[in-house]
Amino acid sequence: MNDTSPEMAARWRALLMRRSGAERVRMGDDMFAMARQIMTASLEAQGYRGVELRKQIFLRTYRNDFTPEALDKICRALFDSRG
């Protein structure tokens, strides 16, 4: 869904592009950190803790970047003490 007019989208983009590259990177980092805080709070509310919490954060963050087989292999290597 996009309810922003093309004129306002162009204005917003122009404002963003006036910032330095470092400022834009910092903004992206801040947004990622906030999303991770929200995700962590949601998972903790569901009862995840410790290694399982870290695994769920990993899966939510990277689920669309790997095949299910690759995710399974990565998770076993990172989170399963038996390897």
PDB file of N, CA and C in Angstrom:
ATOM      1  N   MET A   1       0.846  -1.172   0.000  1.00  0.00           N
ATOM      2  CA  MET A   1       0.000   0.000   0.000  1.00  0.00           C
ATOM      3  C   MET A   1       0.894   1.237   0.000  1.00  0.00           C
ATOM      4  N   ASN A   2       0.521   2.199  -0.795  1.00  0.00           N
ATOM      5  CA  ASN A   2       1.244   3.457  -0.841  1.00  0.00           C
ATOM      6  C   ASN A   2       0.214   4.579  -0.898  1.00  0.00           C
ATOM      7  N   ASP A   3       0.077   5.285   0.206  1.00  0.00           N
ATOM      8  CA  ASP A   3      -0.897   6.370   0.247  1.00  0.00           C
ATOM      9  C   ASP A   3      -0.223   7.739   0.177  1.00  0.00           C
ATOM     10  N   THR A   4       1.032   7.759  -0.254  1.00  0.00           N
ATOM     11  CA  THR A   4       1.787   9.010  -0.364  1.00  0.00           C
ATOM     12  C   THR A   4       1.717   9.515  -1.802  1.00  0.00           C
ATOM     13  N   SER A   5       1.385  10.777  -1.943  1.00  0.00           N
ATOM     14  CA  SER A   5       1.309  11.346  -3.297  1.00  0.00           C
ATOM     15  C   SER A   5       2.716  11.390  -3.896  1.00  0.00           C
ATOM     16  N   PRO A   6       2.805  11.324  -5.231  1.00  0.00           N
ATOM     17  CA  PRO A   6       4.120  11.404  -5.870  1.00  0.00           C
ATOM     18  C   PRO A   6       4.871  12.690  -5.509  1.00  0.00           C
ATOM     19  N   GLU A   7       4.139  13.784  -5.342  1.00  0.00           N
ATOM     20  CA  GLU A   7       4.779  15.051  -4.983  1.00  0.00           C
ATOM     21  C   GLU A   7       5.415  14.979  -3.604  1.00  0.00           C
ATOM     22  N   MET A   8       4.693  14.419  -2.636  1.00  0.00           N
ATOM     23  CA  MET A   8       5.240  14.308  -1.276  1.00  0.00           C
ATOM     24  C   MET A   8       6.374  13.294  -1.225  1.00  0.00           C
ATOM     25  N   ALA A   9       6.271  12.220  -1.992  1.00  0.00           N
ATOM     26  CA  ALA A   9       7.354  11.240  -2.041  1.00  0.00           C
ATOM     27  C   ALA A   9       8.627  11.877  -2.585  1.00  0.00           C
ATOM     28  N   ALA A  10       8.490  12.699  -3.621  1.00  0.00           N
ATOM     29  CA  ALA A  10       9.647  13.388  -4.197  1.00  0.00           C
ATOM     30  C   ALA A  10      10.233  14.374  -3.195  1.00  0.00           C
ATOM     31  N   ARG A  11       9.373  15.078  -2.491  1.00  0.00           N
ATOM     32  CA  ARG A  11       9.853  16.039  -1.487  1.00  0.00           C
ATOM     33  C   ARG A  11      10.601  15.319  -0.365  1.00  0.00           C
ATOM     34  N   TRP A  12      10.039  14.212   0.108  1.00  0.00           N
ATOM     35  CA  TRP A  12      10.676  13.419   1.163  1.00  0.00           C
ATOM     36  C   TRP A  12      12.038  12.905   0.695  1.00  0.00           C
ATOM     37  N   ARG A  13      12.094  12.397  -0.521  1.00  0.00           N
ATOM     38  CA  ARG A  13      13.361  11.892  -1.057  1.00  0.00           C
ATOM     39  C   ARG A  13      14.395  13.014  -1.155  1.00  0.00           C
ATOM     40  N   ALA A  14      13.980  14.177  -1.586  1.00  0.00           N
ATOM     41  CA  ALA A  14      14.895  15.314  -1.690  1.00  0.00           C
ATOM     42  C   ALA A  14      15.449  15.685  -0.308  1.00  0.00           C
ATOM     43  N   LEU A  15      14.590  15.653   0.710  1.00  0.00           N
ATOM     44  CA  LEU A  15      15.055  15.946   2.071  1.00  0.00           C
ATOM     45  C   LEU A  15      16.076  14.906   2.540  1.00  0.00           C
ATOM     46  N   LEU A  16      15.795  13.651   2.267  1.00  0.00           N
ATOM     47  CA  LEU A  16      16.731  12.596   2.658  1.00  0.00           C
ATOM     48  C   LEU A  16      18.064  12.728   1.936  1.00  0.00           C
ATOM     49  N   MET A  17      18.023  13.051   0.664  1.00  0.00           N
ATOM     50  CA  MET A  17      19.241  13.125  -0.124  1.00  0.00           C
ATOM     51  C   MET A  17      20.107  14.328   0.247  1.00  0.00           C
ATOM     52  N   ARG A  18      19.547  15.284   0.964  1.00  0.00           N
ATOM     53  CA  ARG A  18      20.355  16.415   1.441  1.00  0.00           C
ATOM     54  C   ARG A  18      21.254  16.004   2.610  1.00  0.00           C
ATOM     55  N   ARG A  19      20.933  14.886   3.224  1.00  0.00           N
ATOM     56  CA  ARG A  19      21.763  14.390   4.332  1.00  0.00           C
ATOM     57  C   ARG A  19      23.014  13.737   3.764  1.00  0.00           C
ATOM     58  N   SER A  20      24.048  13.710   4.561  1.00  0.00           N
ATOM     59  CA  SER A  20      25.281  13.061   4.110  1.00  0.00           C
ATOM     60  C   SER A  20      25.070  11.550   4.072  1.00  0.00           C
ATOM     61  N   GLY A  21      25.951  10.878   3.373  1.00  0.00           N
ATOM     62  CA  GLY A  21      25.890   9.415   3.336  1.00  0.00           C
ATOM     63  C   GLY A  21      25.995   8.824   4.732  1.00  0.00           C
ATOM     64  N   ALA A  22      26.866   9.393   5.550  1.00  0.00           N
ATOM     65  CA  ALA A  22      27.037   8.903   6.925  1.00  0.00           C
ATOM     66  C   ALA A  22      25.745   9.074   7.729  1.00  0.00           C
ATOM     67  N   GLU A  23      25.063  10.198   7.537  1.00  0.00           N
ATOM     68  CA  GLU A  23      23.799  10.416   8.247  1.00  0.00           C
ATOM     69  C   GLU A  23      22.745   9.400   7.813  1.00  0.00           C
ATOM     70  N   ARG A  24      22.689   9.121   6.515  1.00  0.00           N
ATOM     71  CA  ARG A  24      21.700   8.152   6.019  1.00  0.00           C
ATOM     72  C   ARG A  24      22.014   6.748   6.541  1.00  0.00           C
ATOM     73  N   VAL A  25      23.296   6.398   6.604  1.00  0.00           N
ATOM     74  CA  VAL A  25      23.673   5.094   7.162  1.00  0.00           C
ATOM     75  C   VAL A  25      23.277   5.031   8.630  1.00  0.00           C
ATOM     76  N   ARG A  26      23.536   6.102   9.367  1.00  0.00           N
ATOM     77  CA  ARG A  26      23.171   6.145  10.781  1.00  0.00           C
ATOM     78  C   ARG A  26      21.661   5.986  10.957  1.00  0.00           C
ATOM     79  N   MET A  27      20.888   6.645  10.097  1.00  0.00           N
ATOM     80  CA  MET A  27      19.426   6.505  10.165  1.00  0.00           C
ATOM     81  C   MET A  27      19.006   5.057   9.943  1.00  0.00           C
ATOM     82  N   GLY A  28      19.609   4.416   8.940  1.00  0.00           N
ATOM     83  CA  GLY A  28      19.292   3.009   8.676  1.00  0.00           C
ATOM     84  C   GLY A  28      19.666   2.122   9.845  1.00  0.00           C
ATOM     85  N   ASP A  29      20.814   2.386  10.446  1.00  0.00           N
ATOM     86  CA  ASP A  29      21.254   1.619  11.602  1.00  0.00           C
ATOM     87  C   ASP A  29      20.293   1.805  12.771  1.00  0.00           C
ATOM     88  N   ASP A  30      19.874   3.029  12.996  1.00  0.00           N
ATOM     89  CA  ASP A  30      18.913   3.305  14.072  1.00  0.00           C
ATOM     90  C   ASP A  30      17.595   2.578  13.838  1.00  0.00           C
ATOM     91  N   MET A  31      17.118   2.575  12.588  1.00  0.00           N
ATOM     92  CA  MET A  31      15.865   1.884  12.277  1.00  0.00           C
ATOM     93  C   MET A  31      16.000   0.380  12.484  1.00  0.00           C
ATOM     94  N   PHE A  32      17.151  -0.198  12.066  1.00  0.00           N
ATOM     95  CA  PHE A  32      17.376  -1.627  12.257  1.00  0.00           C
ATOM     96  C   PHE A  32      17.424  -1.954  13.746  1.00  0.00           C
ATOM     97  N   ALA A  33      18.112  -1.119  14.531  1.00  0.00           N
ATOM     98  CA  ALA A  33      18.202  -1.357  15.973  1.00  0.00           C
ATOM     99  C   ALA A  33      16.821  -1.314  16.620  1.00  0.00           C
ATOM    100  N   MET A  34      15.989  -0.369  16.208  1.00  0.00           N
ATOM    101  CA  MET A  34      14.638  -0.284  16.766  1.00  0.00           C
ATOM    102  C   MET A  34      13.806  -1.505  16.375  1.00  0.00           C
ATOM    103  N   ALA A  35      13.911  -1.920  15.117  1.00  0.00           N
ATOM    104  CA  ALA A  35      13.173  -3.114  14.675  1.00  0.00           C
ATOM    105  C   ALA A  35      13.617  -4.334  15.477  1.00  0.00           C
ATOM    106  N   ARG A  36      14.912  -4.436  15.743  1.00  0.00           N
ATOM    107  CA  ARG A  36      15.426  -5.574  16.522  1.00  0.00           C
ATOM    108  C   ARG A  36      14.908  -5.524  17.955  1.00  0.00           C
ATOM    109  N   GLN A  37      14.822  -4.325  18.554  1.00  0.00           N
ATOM    110  CA  GLN A  37      14.275  -4.201  19.905  1.00  0.00           C
ATOM    111  C   GLN A  37      12.818  -4.652  19.947  1.00  0.00           C
ATOM    112  N   ILE A  38      12.056  -4.240  18.949  1.00  0.00           N
ATOM    113  CA  ILE A  38      10.644  -4.630  18.884  1.00  0.00           C
ATOM    114  C   ILE A  38      10.526  -6.143  18.710  1.00  0.00           C
ATOM    115  N   MET A  39      11.336  -6.701  17.810  1.00  0.00           N
ATOM    116  CA  MET A  39      11.318  -8.140  17.569  1.00  0.00           C
ATOM    117  C   MET A  39      11.701  -8.905  18.834  1.00  0.00           C
ATOM    118  N   THR A  40      12.739  -8.443  19.521  1.00  0.00           N
ATOM    119  CA  THR A  40      13.189  -9.107  20.744  1.00  0.00           C
ATOM    120  C   THR A  40      12.108  -9.071  21.807  1.00  0.00           C
ATOM    121  N   ALA A  41      11.471  -7.932  21.980  1.00  0.00           N
ATOM    122  CA  ALA A  41      10.398  -7.817  22.972  1.00  0.00           C
ATOM    123  C   ALA A  41       9.252  -8.762  22.639  1.00  0.00           C
ATOM    124  N   SER A  42       8.912  -8.861  21.370  1.00  0.00           N
ATOM    125  CA  SER A  42       7.837  -9.760  20.941  1.00  0.00           C
ATOM    126  C   SER A  42       8.190 -11.218  21.244  1.00  0.00           C
ATOM    127  N   LEU A  43       9.420 -11.593  20.931  1.00  0.00           N
ATOM    128  CA  LEU A  43       9.845 -12.977  21.168  1.00  0.00           C
ATOM    129  C   LEU A  43       9.934 -13.281  22.664  1.00  0.00           C
ATOM    130  N   GLU A  44      10.431 -12.329  23.449  1.00  0.00           N
ATOM    131  CA  GLU A  44      10.497 -12.542  24.898  1.00  0.00           C
ATOM    132  C   GLU A  44       9.102 -12.686  25.486  1.00  0.00           C
ATOM    133  N   ALA A  45       8.142 -11.926  24.961  1.00  0.00           N
ATOM    134  CA  ALA A  45       6.757 -12.038  25.429  1.00  0.00           C
ATOM    135  C   ALA A  45       6.178 -13.415  25.118  1.00  0.00           C
ATOM    136  N   GLN A  46       6.711 -14.058  24.079  1.00  0.00           N
ATOM    137  CA  GLN A  46       6.276 -15.410  23.725  1.00  0.00           C
ATOM    138  C   GLN A  46       7.029 -16.469  24.532  1.00  0.00           C
ATOM    139  N   GLY A  47       7.963 -16.046  25.375  1.00  0.00           N
ATOM    140  CA  GLY A  47       8.668 -16.972  26.248  1.00  0.00           C
ATOM    141  C   GLY A  47      10.045 -17.414  25.777  1.00  0.00           C
ATOM    142  N   TYR A  48      10.537 -16.867  24.679  1.00  0.00           N
ATOM    143  CA  TYR A  48      11.860 -17.248  24.202  1.00  0.00           C
ATOM    144  C   TYR A  48      12.924 -16.602  25.070  1.00  0.00           C
ATOM    145  N   ARG A  49      13.961 -17.379  25.384  1.00  0.00           N
ATOM    146  CA  ARG A  49      15.080 -16.896  26.187  1.00  0.00           C
ATOM    147  C   ARG A  49      16.375 -17.520  25.685  1.00  0.00           C
ATOM    148  N   GLY A  50      17.486 -16.914  26.040  1.00  0.00           N
ATOM    149  CA  GLY A  50      18.800 -17.492  25.791  1.00  0.00           C
ATOM    150  C   GLY A  50      19.071 -17.825  24.335  1.00  0.00           C
ATOM    151  N   VAL A  51      19.601 -19.027  24.132  1.00  0.00           N
ATOM    152  CA  VAL A  51      19.988 -19.466  22.793  1.00  0.00           C
ATOM    153  C   VAL A  51      18.779 -19.517  21.865  1.00  0.00           C
ATOM    154  N   GLU A  52      17.645 -19.970  22.362  1.00  0.00           N
ATOM    155  CA  GLU A  52      16.450 -20.048  21.508  1.00  0.00           C
ATOM    156  C   GLU A  52      15.991 -18.661  21.078  1.00  0.00           C
ATOM    157  N   LEU A  53      16.135 -17.667  21.946  1.00  0.00           N
ATOM    158  CA  LEU A  53      15.811 -16.285  21.578  1.00  0.00           C
ATOM    159  C   LEU A  53      16.730 -15.824  20.456  1.00  0.00           C
ATOM    160  N   ARG A  54      18.027 -16.046  20.595  1.00  0.00           N
ATOM    161  CA  ARG A  54      18.973 -15.641  19.555  1.00  0.00           C
ATOM    162  C   ARG A  54      18.677 -16.349  18.236  1.00  0.00           C
ATOM    163  N   LYS A  55      18.300 -17.623  18.314  1.00  0.00           N
ATOM    164  CA  LYS A  55      17.964 -18.381  17.096  1.00  0.00           C
ATOM    165  C   LYS A  55      16.741 -17.782  16.418  1.00  0.00           C
ATOM    166  N   GLN A  56      15.726 -17.452  17.184  1.00  0.00           N
ATOM    167  CA  GLN A  56      14.505 -16.885  16.601  1.00  0.00           C
ATOM    168  C   GLN A  56      14.766 -15.505  15.994  1.00  0.00           C
ATOM    169  N   ILE A  57      15.624 -14.710  16.641  1.00  0.00           N
ATOM    170  CA  ILE A  57      15.999 -13.411  16.068  1.00  0.00           C
ATOM    171  C   ILE A  57      16.702 -13.633  14.735  1.00  0.00           C
ATOM    172  N   PHE A  58      17.629 -14.582  14.695  1.00  0.00           N
ATOM    173  CA  PHE A  58      18.328 -14.901  13.452  1.00  0.00           C
ATOM    174  C   PHE A  58      17.333 -15.315  12.372  1.00  0.00           C
ATOM    175  N   LEU A  59      16.419 -16.217  12.710  1.00  0.00           N
ATOM    176  CA  LEU A  59      15.462 -16.704  11.717  1.00  0.00           C
ATOM    177  C   LEU A  59      14.558 -15.584  11.202  1.00  0.00           C
ATOM    178  N   ARG A  60      14.068 -14.744  12.090  1.00  0.00           N
ATOM    179  CA  ARG A  60      13.207 -13.643  11.646  1.00  0.00           C
ATOM    180  C   ARG A  60      13.963 -12.649  10.777  1.00  0.00           C
ATOM    181  N   THR A  61      15.243 -12.469  11.066  1.00  0.00           N
ATOM    182  CA  THR A  61      16.035 -11.492  10.333  1.00  0.00           C
ATOM    183  C   THR A  61      16.453 -12.009   8.958  1.00  0.00           C
ATOM    184  N   TYR A  62      16.823 -13.291   8.880  1.00  0.00           N
ATOM    185  CA  TYR A  62      17.443 -13.805   7.660  1.00  0.00           C
ATOM    186  C   TYR A  62      16.644 -14.897   6.944  1.00  0.00           C
ATOM    187  N   ARG A  63      15.429 -15.171   7.389  1.00  0.00           N
ATOM    188  CA  ARG A  63      14.626 -16.262   6.824  1.00  0.00           C
ATOM    189  C   ARG A  63      14.483 -16.172   5.306  1.00  0.00           C
ATOM    190  N   ASN A  64      14.348 -14.982   4.768  1.00  0.00           N
ATOM    191  CA  ASN A  64      14.133 -14.820   3.328  1.00  0.00           C
ATOM    192  C   ASN A  64      15.424 -14.765   2.525  1.00  0.00           C
ATOM    193  N   ASP A  65      16.564 -14.822   3.207  1.00  0.00           N
ATOM    194  CA  ASP A  65      17.849 -14.705   2.525  1.00  0.00           C
ATOM    195  C   ASP A  65      18.506 -16.047   2.230  1.00  0.00           C
ATOM    196  N   PHE A  66      17.986 -17.124   2.791  1.00  0.00           N
ATOM    197  CA  PHE A  66      18.583 -18.449   2.634  1.00  0.00           C
ATOM    198  C   PHE A  66      17.508 -19.477   2.322  1.00  0.00           C
ATOM    199  N   THR A  67      17.915 -20.563   1.713  1.00  0.00           N
ATOM    200  CA  THR A  67      16.996 -21.679   1.506  1.00  0.00           C
ATOM    201  C   THR A  67      16.719 -22.326   2.868  1.00  0.00           C
ATOM    202  N   PRO A  68      15.622 -23.053   3.003  1.00  0.00           N
ATOM    203  CA  PRO A  68      15.357 -23.747   4.269  1.00  0.00           C
ATOM    204  C   PRO A  68      16.507 -24.680   4.665  1.00  0.00           C
ATOM    205  N   GLU A  69      17.104 -25.323   3.679  1.00  0.00           N
ATOM    206  CA  GLU A  69      18.212 -26.236   3.972  1.00  0.00           C
ATOM    207  C   GLU A  69      19.414 -25.475   4.525  1.00  0.00           C
ATOM    208  N   ALA A  70      19.729 -24.330   3.908  1.00  0.00           N
ATOM    209  CA  ALA A  70      20.855 -23.526   4.379  1.00  0.00           C
ATOM    210  C   ALA A  70      20.569 -22.974   5.775  1.00  0.00           C
ATOM    211  N   LEU A  71      19.337 -22.528   6.019  1.00  0.00           N
ATOM    212  CA  LEU A  71      18.977 -22.029   7.351  1.00  0.00           C
ATOM    213  C   LEU A  71      19.170 -23.106   8.402  1.00  0.00           C
ATOM    214  N   ASP A  72      18.734 -24.317   8.090  1.00  0.00           N
ATOM    215  CA  ASP A  72      18.878 -25.427   9.035  1.00  0.00           C
ATOM    216  C   ASP A  72      20.353 -25.669   9.345  1.00  0.00           C
ATOM    217  N   LYS A  73      21.184 -25.675   8.316  1.00  0.00           N
ATOM    218  CA  LYS A  73      22.618 -25.913   8.493  1.00  0.00           C
ATOM    219  C   LYS A  73      23.250 -24.792   9.329  1.00  0.00           C
ATOM    220  N   ILE A  74      22.906 -23.556   9.035  1.00  0.00           N
ATOM    221  CA  ILE A  74      23.446 -22.416   9.774  1.00  0.00           C
ATOM    222  C   ILE A  74      23.002 -22.482  11.236  1.00  0.00           C
ATOM    223  N   CYS A  75      21.736 -22.749  11.452  1.00  0.00           N
ATOM    224  CA  CYS A  75      21.216 -22.814  12.827  1.00  0.00           C
ATOM    225  C   CYS A  75      21.882 -23.933  13.624  1.00  0.00           C
ATOM    226  N   ARG A  76      22.080 -25.073  12.986  1.00  0.00           N
ATOM    227  CA  ARG A  76      22.770 -26.165  13.689  1.00  0.00           C
ATOM    228  C   ARG A  76      24.184 -25.739  14.061  1.00  0.00           C
ATOM    229  N   ALA A  77      24.871 -25.061  13.146  1.00  0.00           N
ATOM    230  CA  ALA A  77      26.249 -24.631  13.422  1.00  0.00           C
ATOM    231  C   ALA A  77      26.322 -23.545  14.502  1.00  0.00           C
ATOM    232  N   LEU A  78      25.363 -22.637  14.500  1.00  0.00           N
ATOM    233  CA  LEU A  78      25.397 -21.519  15.445  1.00  0.00           C
ATOM    234  C   LEU A  78      24.778 -21.820  16.790  1.00  0.00           C
ATOM    235  N   PHE A  79      23.701 -22.602  16.789  1.00  0.00           N
ATOM    236  CA  PHE A  79      22.881 -22.683  17.991  1.00  0.00           C
ATOM    237  C   PHE A  79      22.761 -24.073  18.613  1.00  0.00           C
ATOM    238  N   ASP A  80      23.213 -25.090  17.932  1.00  0.00           N
ATOM    239  CA  ASP A  80      23.088 -26.448  18.459  1.00  0.00           C
ATOM    240  C   ASP A  80      24.446 -26.876  19.003  1.00  0.00           C
ATOM    241  N   SER A  81      24.520 -27.094  20.286  1.00  0.00           N
ATOM    242  CA  SER A  81      25.797 -27.436  20.906  1.00  0.00           C
ATOM    243  C   SER A  81      26.355 -28.749  20.386  1.00  0.00           C
ATOM    244  N   ARG A  82      25.507 -29.544  19.755  1.00  0.00           N
ATOM    245  CA  ARG A  82      25.972 -30.821  19.188  1.00  0.00           C
ATOM    246  C   ARG A  82      26.539 -30.634  17.798  1.00  0.00           C
ATOM    247  N   GLY A  83      26.358 -29.410  17.202  1.00  0.00           N
ATOM    248  CA  GLY A  83      26.904 -29.125  15.878  1.00  0.00           C
ATOM    249  C   GLY A  83      26.143 -29.826  14.822  1.00  0.00           C
TER     250      GLY A  83
END
